[in-house]
């Protein structure tokens, strides 16, 4: 996740690196009442090293086509989240949520 040091979330992460976030969206029209939700609990690390941030931005541009599209005075930080719990629900063909508590290789 790309952010700025002026955001409240960076202060919160410095105080307590245990974070949670929710990604939410909708299914195609035929299942419009079934929201897609992915909840993640993770340990966060703020990365402010300019070289590491530059490598992140280069990789993001290769994958998405979006480069560093921010003002020049913007000092970006990367939030590296290492998950320890993930719950996904609302995906087509799944009645029960998908839950992961083990992330080998991370």
N, C-alpha and C. Protein backbone atom coordinates (compact mmCIF):
# COMPACT_ATOMS: atom_id res chain seq x y z
N UNK A 1 0.85 -1.17 0.00
CA UNK A 1 0.00 0.00 0.00
C UNK A 1 0.90 1.23 0.00
N UNK A 2 0.59 2.19 -0.83
CA UNK A 2 1.35 3.43 -0.92
C UNK A 2 0.62 4.52 -0.13
N UNK A 3 1.35 5.28 0.68
CA UNK A 3 0.74 6.32 1.50
C UNK A 3 1.73 7.46 1.69
N UNK A 4 1.32 8.46 2.45
CA UNK A 4 2.18 9.58 2.84
C UNK A 4 2.35 9.55 4.35
N UNK A 5 3.43 10.14 4.83
CA UNK A 5 3.68 10.14 6.27
C UNK A 5 2.73 11.08 7.01
N UNK A 6 2.00 11.92 6.31
CA UNK A 6 1.07 12.84 6.96
C UNK A 6 -0.28 12.19 7.28
N UNK A 7 -0.49 10.96 6.79
CA UNK A 7 -1.76 10.28 7.00
C UNK A 7 -1.85 9.72 8.42
N UNK A 8 -3.02 9.76 9.04
CA UNK A 8 -3.18 9.20 10.39
C UNK A 8 -2.81 7.73 10.49
N UNK A 9 -3.00 6.98 9.40
CA UNK A 9 -2.70 5.55 9.47
C UNK A 9 -1.23 5.28 9.78
N UNK A 10 -0.32 6.15 9.33
CA UNK A 10 1.09 5.91 9.64
C UNK A 10 1.35 6.10 11.13
N UNK A 11 0.70 7.05 11.75
CA UNK A 11 0.83 7.26 13.19
C UNK A 11 0.30 6.03 13.95
N UNK A 12 -0.83 5.51 13.49
CA UNK A 12 -1.41 4.33 14.12
C UNK A 12 -0.49 3.12 13.99
N UNK A 13 0.11 2.94 12.83
CA UNK A 13 1.00 1.80 12.61
C UNK A 13 2.25 1.92 13.48
N UNK A 14 2.76 3.12 13.63
CA UNK A 14 3.93 3.31 14.50
C UNK A 14 3.59 2.95 15.95
N UNK A 15 2.38 3.27 16.36
CA UNK A 15 1.94 2.96 17.73
C UNK A 15 1.65 1.47 17.91
N UNK A 16 1.01 0.87 16.91
CA UNK A 16 0.63 -0.53 16.99
C UNK A 16 0.62 -1.11 15.57
N UNK A 17 1.57 -1.98 15.24
CA UNK A 17 1.67 -2.48 13.86
C UNK A 17 0.61 -3.51 13.49
N UNK A 18 -0.26 -3.89 14.43
CA UNK A 18 -1.33 -4.84 14.11
C UNK A 18 -2.47 -4.09 13.43
N UNK A 19 -2.76 -4.46 12.19
CA UNK A 19 -3.77 -3.74 11.39
C UNK A 19 -4.82 -4.70 10.88
N UNK A 20 -5.91 -4.15 10.43
CA UNK A 20 -6.96 -4.88 9.75
C UNK A 20 -7.52 -4.01 8.65
N UNK A 21 -7.89 -4.63 7.55
CA UNK A 21 -8.53 -3.85 6.48
C UNK A 21 -9.52 -4.72 5.74
N UNK A 22 -10.50 -4.06 5.15
CA UNK A 22 -11.59 -4.73 4.44
C UNK A 22 -11.60 -4.25 3.00
N UNK A 23 -11.60 -5.19 2.09
CA UNK A 23 -11.77 -4.91 0.66
C UNK A 23 -13.18 -5.38 0.32
N UNK A 24 -13.97 -4.53 -0.31
CA UNK A 24 -15.35 -4.88 -0.56
C UNK A 24 -15.73 -4.49 -1.99
N UNK A 25 -16.53 -5.32 -2.62
CA UNK A 25 -16.98 -5.04 -3.99
C UNK A 25 -18.26 -5.79 -4.24
N UNK A 26 -18.71 -5.77 -5.47
CA UNK A 26 -19.96 -6.44 -5.81
C UNK A 26 -19.72 -7.48 -6.89
N UNK A 27 -20.57 -8.50 -6.90
CA UNK A 27 -20.56 -9.55 -7.90
C UNK A 27 -21.16 -9.00 -9.20
N UNK A 28 -21.02 -9.75 -10.29
CA UNK A 28 -21.72 -9.36 -11.53
C UNK A 28 -23.22 -9.23 -11.28
N UNK A 29 -23.93 -8.61 -12.18
CA UNK A 29 -25.33 -8.23 -12.03
C UNK A 29 -26.25 -9.36 -11.60
N UNK A 30 -26.04 -10.59 -12.12
CA UNK A 30 -26.96 -11.67 -11.78
C UNK A 30 -26.89 -12.06 -10.30
N UNK A 31 -25.85 -11.66 -9.60
CA UNK A 31 -25.73 -11.94 -8.16
C UNK A 31 -25.46 -10.64 -7.41
N UNK A 32 -26.10 -9.59 -7.81
CA UNK A 32 -25.80 -8.26 -7.28
C UNK A 32 -26.01 -8.12 -5.78
N UNK A 33 -26.80 -9.00 -5.17
CA UNK A 33 -27.03 -8.90 -3.73
C UNK A 33 -25.96 -9.62 -2.90
N UNK A 34 -25.00 -10.24 -3.55
CA UNK A 34 -23.92 -10.94 -2.85
C UNK A 34 -22.65 -10.12 -2.90
N UNK A 35 -22.38 -9.35 -1.88
CA UNK A 35 -21.15 -8.56 -1.90
C UNK A 35 -19.91 -9.45 -1.75
N UNK A 36 -18.84 -9.05 -2.37
CA UNK A 36 -17.55 -9.72 -2.20
C UNK A 36 -16.84 -8.96 -1.09
N UNK A 37 -16.43 -9.68 -0.06
CA UNK A 37 -15.71 -9.06 1.05
C UNK A 37 -14.46 -9.87 1.35
N UNK A 38 -13.35 -9.19 1.53
CA UNK A 38 -12.11 -9.83 1.95
C UNK A 38 -11.60 -9.03 3.13
N UNK A 39 -11.53 -9.70 4.29
CA UNK A 39 -11.02 -9.07 5.50
C UNK A 39 -9.65 -9.66 5.80
N UNK A 40 -8.69 -8.79 6.10
CA UNK A 40 -7.32 -9.22 6.37
C UNK A 40 -6.85 -8.61 7.69
N UNK A 41 -6.28 -9.46 8.55
CA UNK A 41 -5.56 -8.98 9.72
C UNK A 41 -4.09 -9.23 9.42
N UNK A 42 -3.25 -8.25 9.76
CA UNK A 42 -1.85 -8.35 9.38
C UNK A 42 -0.98 -7.55 10.34
N UNK A 43 0.31 -7.78 10.22
CA UNK A 43 1.30 -6.96 10.90
C UNK A 43 1.90 -6.04 9.84
N UNK A 44 1.90 -4.74 10.12
CA UNK A 44 2.35 -3.76 9.14
C UNK A 44 3.76 -3.27 9.45
N UNK A 45 4.46 -2.96 8.40
CA UNK A 45 5.79 -2.36 8.51
C UNK A 45 5.83 -1.17 7.55
N UNK A 46 6.24 -0.01 8.07
CA UNK A 46 6.37 1.18 7.22
C UNK A 46 7.75 1.17 6.57
N UNK A 47 7.78 1.33 5.27
CA UNK A 47 9.04 1.37 4.53
C UNK A 47 9.21 2.78 4.00
N UNK A 48 10.27 3.45 4.46
CA UNK A 48 10.52 4.82 4.01
C UNK A 48 11.85 4.96 3.27
N UNK A 49 12.60 3.87 3.13
CA UNK A 49 13.86 3.90 2.39
C UNK A 49 13.57 4.25 0.93
N UNK A 50 14.21 5.32 0.44
CA UNK A 50 13.90 5.82 -0.90
C UNK A 50 14.13 4.77 -1.98
N UNK A 51 15.18 3.96 -1.84
CA UNK A 51 15.46 2.92 -2.83
C UNK A 51 14.38 1.86 -2.86
N UNK A 52 13.93 1.41 -1.67
CA UNK A 52 12.87 0.40 -1.61
C UNK A 52 11.56 0.94 -2.13
N UNK A 53 11.26 2.20 -1.81
CA UNK A 53 10.03 2.82 -2.31
C UNK A 53 10.10 2.94 -3.83
N UNK A 54 11.26 3.33 -4.37
CA UNK A 54 11.42 3.44 -5.82
C UNK A 54 11.22 2.08 -6.50
N UNK A 55 11.76 1.01 -5.90
CA UNK A 55 11.57 -0.33 -6.48
C UNK A 55 10.08 -0.72 -6.46
N UNK A 56 9.38 -0.38 -5.38
CA UNK A 56 7.94 -0.65 -5.30
C UNK A 56 7.21 0.09 -6.42
N UNK A 57 7.53 1.38 -6.61
CA UNK A 57 6.86 2.17 -7.64
C UNK A 57 7.15 1.63 -9.04
N UNK A 58 8.39 1.17 -9.28
CA UNK A 58 8.74 0.60 -10.58
C UNK A 58 7.95 -0.69 -10.83
N UNK A 59 7.85 -1.52 -9.81
CA UNK A 59 7.09 -2.76 -9.95
C UNK A 59 5.61 -2.47 -10.19
N UNK A 60 5.08 -1.49 -9.44
CA UNK A 60 3.67 -1.11 -9.62
C UNK A 60 3.43 -0.62 -11.04
N UNK A 61 4.36 0.15 -11.57
CA UNK A 61 4.19 0.65 -12.94
C UNK A 61 4.23 -0.49 -13.95
N UNK A 62 5.13 -1.45 -13.76
CA UNK A 62 5.19 -2.61 -14.67
C UNK A 62 3.89 -3.40 -14.63
N UNK A 63 3.32 -3.58 -13.44
CA UNK A 63 2.12 -4.40 -13.30
C UNK A 63 0.83 -3.69 -13.66
N UNK A 64 0.75 -2.39 -13.37
CA UNK A 64 -0.53 -1.68 -13.54
C UNK A 64 -0.49 -0.56 -14.56
N UNK A 65 0.71 -0.14 -14.95
CA UNK A 65 0.82 0.99 -15.85
C UNK A 65 0.79 2.34 -15.14
N UNK A 66 0.58 2.32 -13.82
CA UNK A 66 0.55 3.56 -13.03
C UNK A 66 1.92 3.78 -12.41
N UNK A 67 2.51 4.89 -12.74
CA UNK A 67 3.80 5.23 -12.15
C UNK A 67 3.61 6.08 -10.91
N UNK A 68 4.64 6.85 -10.60
CA UNK A 68 4.58 7.76 -9.46
C UNK A 68 3.79 8.99 -9.88
N UNK A 69 2.46 8.88 -9.85
CA UNK A 69 1.57 9.95 -10.31
C UNK A 69 1.18 10.89 -9.18
N UNK A 70 2.19 11.36 -8.46
CA UNK A 70 1.92 12.24 -7.32
C UNK A 70 2.79 13.49 -7.44
N UNK A 71 2.44 14.55 -6.70
CA UNK A 71 3.22 15.78 -6.75
C UNK A 71 4.68 15.54 -6.36
N UNK A 72 5.57 16.39 -6.83
CA UNK A 72 7.00 16.22 -6.56
C UNK A 72 7.34 16.33 -5.08
N UNK A 73 6.58 17.12 -4.32
CA UNK A 73 6.89 17.28 -2.89
C UNK A 73 6.30 16.15 -2.05
N UNK A 74 5.68 15.20 -2.69
CA UNK A 74 5.06 14.06 -2.03
C UNK A 74 6.15 13.04 -1.69
N UNK A 75 6.29 12.71 -0.42
CA UNK A 75 7.25 11.70 0.02
C UNK A 75 6.49 10.42 0.33
N UNK A 76 6.46 9.49 -0.61
CA UNK A 76 5.66 8.28 -0.39
C UNK A 76 6.31 7.32 0.60
N UNK A 77 5.48 6.57 1.28
CA UNK A 77 5.88 5.45 2.13
C UNK A 77 5.14 4.23 1.62
N UNK A 78 5.71 3.07 1.86
CA UNK A 78 5.04 1.83 1.53
C UNK A 78 4.66 1.15 2.83
N UNK A 79 3.45 0.67 2.90
CA UNK A 79 3.01 -0.14 4.04
C UNK A 79 3.07 -1.60 3.57
N UNK A 80 3.99 -2.35 4.16
CA UNK A 80 4.11 -3.76 3.86
C UNK A 80 3.30 -4.52 4.90
N UNK A 81 2.26 -5.22 4.47
CA UNK A 81 1.38 -5.94 5.38
C UNK A 81 1.65 -7.44 5.26
N UNK A 82 2.03 -8.06 6.37
CA UNK A 82 2.23 -9.50 6.41
C UNK A 82 0.98 -10.11 7.07
N UNK A 83 0.16 -10.82 6.30
CA UNK A 83 -1.12 -11.30 6.83
C UNK A 83 -0.95 -12.44 7.82
N UNK A 84 -1.89 -12.51 8.79
CA UNK A 84 -1.95 -13.68 9.65
C UNK A 84 -3.38 -14.23 9.72
N UNK A 85 -4.33 -13.54 9.07
CA UNK A 85 -5.70 -14.03 8.97
C UNK A 85 -6.35 -13.40 7.75
N UNK A 86 -7.06 -14.20 6.96
CA UNK A 86 -7.78 -13.70 5.80
C UNK A 86 -9.11 -14.44 5.71
N UNK A 87 -10.17 -13.68 5.53
CA UNK A 87 -11.51 -14.25 5.36
C UNK A 87 -12.12 -13.63 4.11
N UNK A 88 -12.49 -14.48 3.16
CA UNK A 88 -13.07 -14.03 1.90
C UNK A 88 -14.45 -14.65 1.76
N UNK A 89 -15.44 -13.83 1.39
CA UNK A 89 -16.79 -14.34 1.21
C UNK A 89 -17.49 -13.64 0.06
N UNK A 90 -18.51 -14.31 -0.48
CA UNK A 90 -19.31 -13.73 -1.55
C UNK A 90 -18.82 -14.08 -2.94
N UNK A 91 -17.89 -15.02 -3.06
CA UNK A 91 -17.38 -15.38 -4.37
C UNK A 91 -18.29 -16.42 -5.02
N UNK A 92 -18.45 -16.33 -6.32
CA UNK A 92 -19.36 -17.19 -7.08
C UNK A 92 -19.07 -18.66 -6.79
N UNK A 93 -20.13 -19.41 -6.50
CA UNK A 93 -20.00 -20.84 -6.29
C UNK A 93 -19.58 -21.23 -4.88
N UNK A 94 -19.36 -20.28 -4.00
CA UNK A 94 -18.93 -20.58 -2.63
C UNK A 94 -20.01 -20.14 -1.65
N UNK A 95 -20.53 -21.07 -0.90
CA UNK A 95 -21.51 -20.72 0.13
C UNK A 95 -20.82 -20.39 1.45
N UNK A 96 -19.73 -21.08 1.73
CA UNK A 96 -18.99 -20.86 2.96
C UNK A 96 -17.82 -19.91 2.69
N UNK A 97 -17.47 -19.10 3.66
CA UNK A 97 -16.31 -18.22 3.47
C UNK A 97 -15.02 -19.02 3.37
N UNK A 98 -14.06 -18.45 2.72
CA UNK A 98 -12.72 -19.01 2.63
C UNK A 98 -11.91 -18.36 3.74
N UNK A 99 -11.26 -19.15 4.57
CA UNK A 99 -10.47 -18.61 5.68
C UNK A 99 -9.06 -19.18 5.61
N UNK A 100 -8.07 -18.30 5.69
CA UNK A 100 -6.66 -18.70 5.76
C UNK A 100 -6.07 -18.17 7.06
N UNK A 101 -5.35 -19.03 7.74
CA UNK A 101 -4.62 -18.64 8.95
C UNK A 101 -3.14 -18.95 8.83
N UNK A 102 -2.77 -19.58 7.74
CA UNK A 102 -1.39 -19.99 7.53
C UNK A 102 -0.94 -19.48 6.16
N UNK A 103 0.19 -18.84 6.13
CA UNK A 103 0.69 -18.24 4.90
C UNK A 103 2.15 -18.69 4.71
N UNK A 104 2.34 -19.94 4.30
CA UNK A 104 3.71 -20.44 4.16
C UNK A 104 4.48 -19.64 3.10
N UNK A 105 5.72 -19.42 3.39
CA UNK A 105 6.58 -18.70 2.46
C UNK A 105 6.59 -17.20 2.63
N UNK A 106 5.78 -16.66 3.53
CA UNK A 106 5.81 -15.21 3.75
C UNK A 106 6.77 -14.87 4.85
